[in-house]
C-alpha atoms as a PDB file:
ATOM      1  CA  MET A   1      -9.952  -2.060 -19.014  1.00  0.00           C
ATOM      2  CA  LEU A   2      -8.958   1.257 -17.419  1.00  0.00           C
ATOM      3  CA  GLU A   3      -8.885   3.406 -20.532  1.00  0.00           C
ATOM      4  CA  GLY A   4      -9.394   7.054 -19.614  1.00  0.00           C
ATOM      5  CA  LYS A   5      -9.237   6.540 -15.858  1.00  0.00           C
ATOM      6  CA  VAL A   6      -6.879   8.593 -13.717  1.00  0.00           C
ATOM      7  CA  VAL A   7      -5.045   6.574 -11.084  1.00  0.00           C
ATOM      8  CA  MET A   8      -2.992   8.062  -8.243  1.00  0.00           C
ATOM      9  CA  ILE A   9      -0.529   5.819  -6.397  1.00  0.00           C
ATOM     10  CA  THR A  10       1.451   6.906  -3.354  1.00  0.00           C
ATOM     11  CA  GLY A  11       4.767   5.272  -2.528  1.00  0.00           C
ATOM     12  CA  ALA A  12       5.390   4.314  -6.156  1.00  0.00           C
ATOM     13  CA  SER A  13       9.174   4.458  -6.358  1.00  0.00           C
ATOM     14  CA  GLN A  14       9.717   0.740  -5.772  1.00  0.00           C
ATOM     15  CA  GLY A  15       8.104  -2.560  -4.829  1.00  0.00           C
ATOM     16  CA  LEU A  16       4.326  -2.824  -5.062  1.00  0.00           C
ATOM     17  CA  GLY A  17       3.804   0.850  -5.909  1.00  0.00           C
ATOM     18  CA  ARG A  18       6.078   0.665  -8.925  1.00  0.00           C
ATOM     19  CA  ALA A  19       4.492  -2.604 -10.071  1.00  0.00           C
ATOM     20  CA  LEU A  20       1.026  -1.070  -9.816  1.00  0.00           C
ATOM     21  CA  ALA A  21       2.038   2.019 -11.763  1.00  0.00           C
ATOM     22  CA  LEU A  22       3.223  -0.158 -14.632  1.00  0.00           C
ATOM     23  CA  ALA A  23       0.202  -2.477 -14.443  1.00  0.00           C
ATOM     24  CA  PHE A  24      -2.255   0.429 -14.545  1.00  0.00           C
ATOM     25  CA  ALA A  25      -0.316   2.018 -17.390  1.00  0.00           C
ATOM     26  CA  ARG A  26      -0.572  -1.146 -19.465  1.00  0.00           C
ATOM     27  CA  GLU A  27      -4.348  -1.129 -18.920  1.00  0.00           C
ATOM     28  CA  GLY A  28      -4.661   2.327 -20.456  1.00  0.00           C
ATOM     29  CA  ALA A  29      -4.876   4.491 -17.332  1.00  0.00           C
ATOM     30  CA  ARG A  30      -3.334   7.900 -16.890  1.00  0.00           C
ATOM     31  CA  VAL A  31      -1.104   7.670 -13.849  1.00  0.00           C
ATOM     32  CA  ALA A  32      -0.047  10.087 -11.105  1.00  0.00           C
ATOM     33  CA  ILE A  33       2.753   8.569  -9.038  1.00  0.00           C
ATOM     34  CA  ASN A  34       4.239   9.799  -5.798  1.00  0.00           C
ATOM     35  CA  ALA A  35       7.385   9.350  -3.753  1.00  0.00           C
ATOM     36  CA  ARG A  36       9.256  11.547  -1.320  1.00  0.00           C
ATOM     37  CA  SER A  37      11.954  12.644  -3.769  1.00  0.00           C
ATOM     38  CA  GLU A  38      12.167  13.507  -7.448  1.00  0.00           C
ATOM     39  CA  GLY A  39      15.251  11.317  -7.746  1.00  0.00           C
ATOM     40  CA  SER A  40      13.357   8.211  -6.688  1.00  0.00           C
ATOM     41  CA  ILE A  41      10.141   8.746  -8.634  1.00  0.00           C
ATOM     42  CA  GLY A  42      11.690  10.025 -11.892  1.00  0.00           C
ATOM     43  CA  PRO A  43      12.982   6.648 -13.138  1.00  0.00           C
ATOM     44  CA  VAL A  44       9.580   5.031 -12.524  1.00  0.00           C
ATOM     45  CA  ALA A  45       7.881   7.817 -14.466  1.00  0.00           C
ATOM     46  CA  GLU A  46      10.147   7.019 -17.407  1.00  0.00           C
ATOM     47  CA  GLU A  47       9.169   3.345 -17.191  1.00  0.00           C
ATOM     48  CA  VAL A  48       5.488   4.266 -17.130  1.00  0.00           C
ATOM     49  CA  GLU A  49       5.914   6.489 -20.178  1.00  0.00           C
ATOM     50  CA  ASP A  50       7.715   3.666 -21.964  1.00  0.00           C
ATOM     51  CA  ALA A  51       4.662   1.502 -21.213  1.00  0.00           C
ATOM     52  CA  GLY A  52       2.618   3.985 -23.225  1.00  0.00           C
ATOM     53  CA  ALA A  53       0.855   5.918 -20.486  1.00  0.00           C
ATOM     54  CA  GLU A  54       0.563   9.583 -19.656  1.00  0.00           C
ATOM     55  CA  VAL A  55       2.244  10.070 -16.286  1.00  0.00           C
ATOM     56  CA  LEU A  56       2.674  12.780 -13.662  1.00  0.00           C
ATOM     57  CA  ALA A  57       5.535  12.324 -11.191  1.00  0.00           C
ATOM     58  CA  LEU A  58       4.941  13.963  -7.810  1.00  0.00           C
ATOM     59  CA  ALA A  59       7.635  14.431  -5.182  1.00  0.00           C
ATOM     60  CA  ALA A  60       5.784  14.905  -1.897  1.00  0.00           C
ATOM     61  CA  ASP A  61       5.768  13.738   1.717  1.00  0.00           C
ATOM     62  CA  VAL A  62       2.271  12.332   2.285  1.00  0.00           C
ATOM     63  CA  SER A  63       2.518  12.996   6.024  1.00  0.00           C
ATOM     64  CA  MET A  64       2.719  16.747   5.375  1.00  0.00           C
ATOM     65  CA  GLY A  65      -0.568  18.523   4.692  1.00  0.00           C
ATOM     66  CA  ALA A  66       0.931  21.215   2.464  1.00  0.00           C
ATOM     67  CA  ASP A  67       2.720  18.614   0.314  1.00  0.00           C
ATOM     68  CA  VAL A  68      -0.485  16.635  -0.042  1.00  0.00           C
ATOM     69  CA  GLU A  69      -2.563  19.652  -1.059  1.00  0.00           C
ATOM     70  CA  ARG A  70       0.020  20.550  -3.697  1.00  0.00           C
ATOM     71  CA  MET A  71       0.138  16.961  -4.964  1.00  0.00           C
ATOM     72  CA  ILE A  72      -3.631  16.720  -5.349  1.00  0.00           C
ATOM     73  CA  SER A  73      -3.841  20.180  -6.909  1.00  0.00           C
ATOM     74  CA  GLU A  74      -1.191  19.355  -9.522  1.00  0.00           C
ATOM     75  CA  THR A  75      -2.926  16.073 -10.363  1.00  0.00           C
ATOM     76  CA  VAL A  76      -6.331  17.696 -10.812  1.00  0.00           C
ATOM     77  CA  GLU A  77      -4.820  20.526 -12.837  1.00  0.00           C
ATOM     78  CA  ARG A  78      -3.224  17.975 -15.158  1.00  0.00           C
ATOM     79  CA  PHE A  79      -5.943  15.322 -15.388  1.00  0.00           C
ATOM     80  CA  GLY A  80      -9.125  16.995 -14.105  1.00  0.00           C
ATOM     81  CA  LYS A  81     -10.071  14.212 -11.662  1.00  0.00           C
ATOM     82  CA  ILE A  82      -8.858  11.206  -9.667  1.00  0.00           C
ATOM     83  CA  ASP A  83     -10.821   8.045 -10.460  1.00  0.00           C
ATOM     84  CA  VAL A  84      -8.692   5.681  -8.407  1.00  0.00           C
ATOM     85  CA  LEU A  85      -6.542   6.375  -5.347  1.00  0.00           C
ATOM     86  CA  VAL A  86      -4.133   3.740  -4.052  1.00  0.00           C
ATOM     87  CA  ASN A  87      -2.793   4.565  -0.591  1.00  0.00           C
ATOM     88  CA  ASN A  88       0.384   2.496  -0.689  1.00  0.00           C
ATOM     89  CA  ALA A  89       3.128   4.668   0.836  1.00  0.00           C
ATOM     90  CA  GLY A  90       4.467   3.397   4.123  1.00  0.00           C
ATOM     91  CA  LEU A  91       7.394   2.813   6.451  1.00  0.00           C
ATOM     92  CA  LEU A  92       8.307  -0.352   8.342  1.00  0.00           C
ATOM     93  CA  GLY A  93      10.004   1.227  11.351  1.00  0.00           C
ATOM     94  CA  PRO A  94      12.145  -0.659  13.857  1.00  0.00           C
ATOM     95  CA  ARG A  95      11.352  -4.271  14.756  1.00  0.00           C
ATOM     96  CA  VAL A  96      11.631  -3.904  18.546  1.00  0.00           C
ATOM     97  CA  GLY A  97       9.362  -4.269  21.552  1.00  0.00           C
ATOM     98  CA  ILE A  98       7.133  -1.402  22.640  1.00  0.00           C
ATOM     99  CA  GLU A  99       9.206  -0.656  25.735  1.00  0.00           C
ATOM    100  CA  ASP A 100      12.232  -0.035  23.498  1.00  0.00           C
ATOM    101  CA  TYR A 101      10.424   1.777  20.678  1.00  0.00           C
ATOM    102  CA  PRO A 102      11.849   5.302  20.091  1.00  0.00           C
ATOM    103  CA  GLU A 103       9.197   8.019  20.246  1.00  0.00           C
ATOM    104  CA  GLU A 104      10.521   9.862  17.204  1.00  0.00           C
ATOM    105  CA  GLU A 105      10.379   6.752  15.020  1.00  0.00           C
ATOM    106  CA  TRP A 106       6.931   5.839  16.349  1.00  0.00           C
ATOM    107  CA  ARG A 107       5.601   9.224  15.276  1.00  0.00           C
ATOM    108  CA  GLU A 108       7.335   8.996  11.904  1.00  0.00           C
ATOM    109  CA  VAL A 109       5.767   5.611  11.094  1.00  0.00           C
ATOM    110  CA  ILE A 110       2.279   6.610  12.296  1.00  0.00           C
ATOM    111  CA  ASP A 111       2.506   9.839  10.303  1.00  0.00           C
ATOM    112  CA  ALA A 112       3.538   8.077   7.086  1.00  0.00           C
ATOM    113  CA  ASN A 113       1.298   5.020   7.342  1.00  0.00           C
ATOM    114  CA  LEU A 114      -1.886   6.388   8.924  1.00  0.00           C
ATOM    115  CA  THR A 115      -1.925  10.182   8.854  1.00  0.00           C
ATOM    116  CA  GLY A 116      -0.678  10.108   5.250  1.00  0.00           C
ATOM    117  CA  PRO A 117      -3.611   8.112   3.848  1.00  0.00           C
ATOM    118  CA  PHE A 118      -6.001  10.290   5.870  1.00  0.00           C
ATOM    119  CA  LEU A 119      -4.527  13.481   4.422  1.00  0.00           C
ATOM    120  CA  VAL A 120      -4.337  12.182   0.857  1.00  0.00           C
ATOM    121  CA  THR A 121      -7.854  10.736   0.864  1.00  0.00           C
ATOM    122  CA  ARG A 122      -9.357  13.813   2.500  1.00  0.00           C
ATOM    123  CA  ALA A 123      -7.788  16.064  -0.135  1.00  0.00           C
ATOM    124  CA  ALA A 124      -8.669  13.751  -3.026  1.00  0.00           C
ATOM    125  CA  ILE A 125     -12.349  13.061  -2.206  1.00  0.00           C
ATOM    126  CA  PRO A 126     -13.741  16.278  -3.737  1.00  0.00           C
ATOM    127  CA  HIS A 127     -12.110  15.291  -7.037  1.00  0.00           C
ATOM    128  CA  VAL A 128     -13.204  11.641  -7.104  1.00  0.00           C
ATOM    129  CA  PRO A 129     -16.273  11.211  -9.342  1.00  0.00           C
ATOM    130  CA  GLU A 130     -19.135   8.783  -8.845  1.00  0.00           C
ATOM    131  CA  GLY A 131     -17.827   5.310  -9.610  1.00  0.00           C
ATOM    132  CA  GLY A 132     -14.442   6.148  -8.122  1.00  0.00           C
ATOM    133  CA  SER A 133     -12.367   3.776  -6.039  1.00  0.00           C
ATOM    134  CA  VAL A 134     -10.088   4.163  -3.023  1.00  0.00           C
ATOM    135  CA  ILE A 135      -7.777   1.223  -2.302  1.00  0.00           C
ATOM    136  CA  ASN A 136      -5.922   1.109   1.011  1.00  0.00           C
ATOM    137  CA  VAL A 137      -2.955  -1.215   1.467  1.00  0.00           C
ATOM    138  CA  VAL A 138      -3.089  -3.140   4.745  1.00  0.00           C
ATOM    139  CA  SER A 139      -1.163  -6.104   6.132  1.00  0.00           C
ATOM    140  CA  GLY A 140      -1.302  -9.430   7.877  1.00  0.00           C
ATOM    141  CA  VAL A 141      -0.321  -7.578  11.053  1.00  0.00           C
ATOM    142  CA  SER A 142      -3.264  -5.173  10.770  1.00  0.00           C
ATOM    143  CA  VAL A 143      -5.726  -7.781  12.018  1.00  0.00           C
ATOM    144  CA  ASP A 144      -3.319  -9.826  14.111  1.00  0.00           C
ATOM    145  CA  GLY A 145      -1.081  -7.875  16.465  1.00  0.00           C
ATOM    146  CA  ARG A 146       2.324  -9.517  16.766  1.00  0.00           C
ATOM    147  CA  ALA A 147       5.311  -8.918  18.993  1.00  0.00           C
ATOM    148  CA  GLU A 148       7.868  -6.389  17.752  1.00  0.00           C
ATOM    149  CA  TRP A 149       5.749  -4.985  14.936  1.00  0.00           C
ATOM    150  CA  GLY A 150       5.064  -1.786  16.886  1.00  0.00           C
ATOM    151  CA  ALA A 151       3.959   1.315  15.027  1.00  0.00           C
ATOM    152  CA  TYR A 152       3.723  -0.460  11.672  1.00  0.00           C
ATOM    153  CA  SER A 153       1.101  -2.871  12.986  1.00  0.00           C
ATOM    154  CA  VAL A 154      -0.757  -0.175  14.909  1.00  0.00           C
ATOM    155  CA  SER A 155      -0.846   2.116  11.865  1.00  0.00           C
ATOM    156  CA  LYS A 156      -2.221  -0.650   9.674  1.00  0.00           C
ATOM    157  CA  PHE A 157      -4.888  -1.483  12.265  1.00  0.00           C
ATOM    158  CA  GLY A 158      -5.842   2.176  11.894  1.00  0.00           C
ATOM    159  CA  ILE A 159      -6.073   1.856   8.107  1.00  0.00           C
ATOM    160  CA  GLU A 160      -8.490  -1.044   8.530  1.00  0.00           C
ATOM    161  CA  GLY A 161     -10.738   1.280  10.533  1.00  0.00           C
ATOM    162  CA  LEU A 162     -10.268   4.205   8.163  1.00  0.00           C
ATOM    163  CA  THR A 163     -11.341   1.971   5.284  1.00  0.00           C
ATOM    164  CA  GLN A 164     -14.578   1.047   7.026  1.00  0.00           C
ATOM    165  CA  ILE A 165     -15.354   4.641   7.978  1.00  0.00           C
ATOM    166  CA  LEU A 166     -14.718   5.935   4.474  1.00  0.00           C
ATOM    167  CA  ALA A 167     -16.753   3.142   2.893  1.00  0.00           C
ATOM    168  CA  ALA A 168     -19.726   4.117   5.046  1.00  0.00           C
ATOM    169  CA  GLU A 169     -19.310   7.842   4.488  1.00  0.00           C
ATOM    170  CA  LEU A 170     -18.818   7.686   0.711  1.00  0.00           C
ATOM    171  CA  ALA A 171     -21.321   4.994  -0.243  1.00  0.00           C
ATOM    172  CA  GLY A 172     -24.007   7.582  -0.960  1.00  0.00           C
ATOM    173  CA  ARG A 173     -21.685   9.317  -3.411  1.00  0.00           C
ATOM    174  CA  GLY A 174     -20.964   6.131  -5.335  1.00  0.00           C
ATOM    175  CA  ILE A 175     -17.328   5.986  -4.250  1.00  0.00           C
ATOM    176  CA  ARG A 176     -16.121   2.599  -3.070  1.00  0.00           C
ATOM    177  CA  VAL A 177     -13.372   2.050  -0.505  1.00  0.00           C
ATOM    178  CA  ASN A 178     -11.649  -1.276   0.044  1.00  0.00           C
ATOM    179  CA  ALA A 179      -8.544  -2.673   1.712  1.00  0.00           C
ATOM    180  CA  VAL A 180      -5.968  -5.037   0.219  1.00  0.00           C
ATOM    181  CA  ASP A 181      -3.474  -7.166   2.121  1.00  0.00           C
ATOM    182  CA  PRO A 182      -0.739  -7.906  -0.452  1.00  0.00           C
ATOM    183  CA  GLY A 183       0.846 -10.665   1.641  1.00  0.00           C
ATOM    184  CA  GLY A 184       4.568 -11.376   1.621  1.00  0.00           C
ATOM    185  CA  MET A 185       6.356 -10.280  -1.542  1.00  0.00           C
ATOM    186  CA  ARG A 186       9.911 -10.029  -2.800  1.00  0.00           C
ATOM    187  CA  THR A 187      10.467  -6.416  -1.717  1.00  0.00           C
ATOM    188  CA  ASP A 188      13.041  -4.410   0.203  1.00  0.00           C
ATOM    189  CA  MET A 189      10.556  -3.903   3.055  1.00  0.00           C
ATOM    190  CA  ARG A 190       9.968  -7.640   3.334  1.00  0.00           C
ATOM    191  CA  ALA A 191      13.718  -8.241   3.355  1.00  0.00           C
ATOM    192  CA  ALA A 192      14.142  -5.706   6.159  1.00  0.00           C
ATOM    193  CA  ALA A 193      11.362  -7.331   8.183  1.00  0.00           C
ATOM    194  CA  TYR A 194      12.561 -10.895   7.586  1.00  0.00           C
ATOM    195  CA  PRO A 195      16.299 -10.745   6.860  1.00  0.00           C
ATOM    196  CA  GLU A 196      16.678 -14.506   7.339  1.00  0.00           C
ATOM    197  CA  GLU A 197      14.074 -15.353   4.676  1.00  0.00           C
ATOM    198  CA  ASP A 198      15.012 -16.534   1.185  1.00  0.00           C
ATOM    199  CA  PRO A 199      13.346 -13.881  -1.028  1.00  0.00           C
ATOM    200  CA  THR A 200      12.926 -16.317  -3.899  1.00  0.00           C
ATOM    201  CA  THR A 201      10.277 -18.119  -1.834  1.00  0.00           C
ATOM    202  CA  ARG A 202       8.002 -15.090  -2.278  1.00  0.00           C
ATOM    203  CA  ILE A 203       6.195 -13.796  -5.343  1.00  0.00           C
ATOM    204  CA  THR A 204       7.219 -10.551  -6.982  1.00  0.00           C
ATOM    205  CA  PRO A 205       5.043  -7.428  -6.766  1.00  0.00           C
ATOM    206  CA  GLU A 206       4.518  -7.686 -10.525  1.00  0.00           C
ATOM    207  CA  GLU A 207       2.780 -11.027  -9.959  1.00  0.00           C
ATOM    208  CA  ASN A 208       0.461  -9.527  -7.342  1.00  0.00           C
ATOM    209  CA  THR A 209      -1.516  -6.775  -9.081  1.00  0.00           C
ATOM    210  CA  ALA A 210      -4.727  -8.539 -10.164  1.00  0.00           C
ATOM    211  CA  VAL A 211      -6.927  -7.518  -7.224  1.00  0.00           C
ATOM    212  CA  PHE A 212      -5.859  -3.886  -7.563  1.00  0.00           C
ATOM    213  CA  LEU A 213      -6.793  -3.871 -11.253  1.00  0.00           C
ATOM    214  CA  TYR A 214     -10.151  -5.413 -10.350  1.00  0.00           C
ATOM    215  CA  LEU A 215     -10.880  -2.828  -7.650  1.00  0.00           C
ATOM    216  CA  ALA A 216      -9.904  -0.010 -10.007  1.00  0.00           C
ATOM    217  CA  SER A 217     -12.178  -1.277 -12.775  1.00  0.00           C
ATOM    218  CA  ASP A 218     -15.930  -0.907 -13.218  1.00  0.00           C
ATOM    219  CA  GLU A 219     -16.184  -4.644 -12.580  1.00  0.00           C
ATOM    220  CA  SER A 220     -16.044  -3.877  -8.845  1.00  0.00           C
ATOM    221  CA  LYS A 221     -18.438  -0.903  -8.908  1.00  0.00           C
ATOM    222  CA  ASP A 222     -20.703  -2.411  -6.230  1.00  0.00           C
ATOM    223  CA  VAL A 223     -17.909  -3.657  -3.944  1.00  0.00           C
ATOM    224  CA  THR A 224     -17.122  -1.499  -0.922  1.00  0.00           C
ATOM    225  CA  GLY A 225     -15.970  -1.907   2.661  1.00  0.00           C
ATOM    226  CA  GLU A 226     -14.302  -5.223   1.860  1.00  0.00           C
ATOM    227  CA  ARG A 227     -10.888  -6.640   2.682  1.00  0.00           C
ATOM    228  CA  PHE A 228      -9.026  -8.687   0.093  1.00  0.00           C
ATOM    229  CA  LYS A 229      -5.991 -10.936   0.357  1.00  0.00           C
ATOM    230  CA  ALA A 230      -4.207 -10.230  -2.917  1.00  0.00           C
ATOM    231  CA  GLN A 231      -2.512 -13.597  -3.216  1.00  0.00           C
ATOM    232  CA  GLU A 232      -5.804 -15.455  -2.743  1.00  0.00           C
ATOM    233  CA  PHE A 233      -7.781 -13.288  -5.165  1.00  0.00           C
ATOM    234  CA  GLN A 234      -9.465 -14.961  -8.104  1.00  0.00           C
ATOM    235  CA  ARG A 235     -11.964 -13.256 -10.384  1.00  0.00           C
ATOM    236  CA  GLY A 236     -15.375 -14.860 -10.212  1.00  0.00           C
END
């Protein structure tokens, strides 16, 4: 379904990012995967190779412009283009009220979750051909502000807006931009956010990739500016 397409995924060392890398690989895509450190992304690259895909592992901090430019440059040098960009990298940050939220951690979360996708998308756009797809990962708390979700919620509200702006700006170039709310999954981030929850009551990231595959495929070529709930997605 994705034979020949080049897919870039940020935050691919674990959880949803890792699951997506493997899912795209099995569909025939060439995959560029990112995490902050070589030590964390290397093992995933090996898994992707074992799945039969060509893979490029990229250690980069998406909140740093120089890292992002290098990451995009290395991807284009290797693959020539970026058909699909999945902005998945993100930090949870502390679960405290605004009056107790540390400034340094606020800036760190906003930088990773909002400035990062801006920087990555801005750098990638010149290399995304007509028919390309940008997929931004959002959240249940990006349309419903809740107590003690602080910078994470605010950053995801920002991604909702960024998605709409990009969809409008890139429509004339045939590049679609959509948002996906994965919902609760059995991940380390979910466990940190809800330590009292039984993780077995949630689906695994590997069970939650269908909407991403759809949005990466030509099947969704006319879909842009939309918001999907991954766990409610059914192909028509």
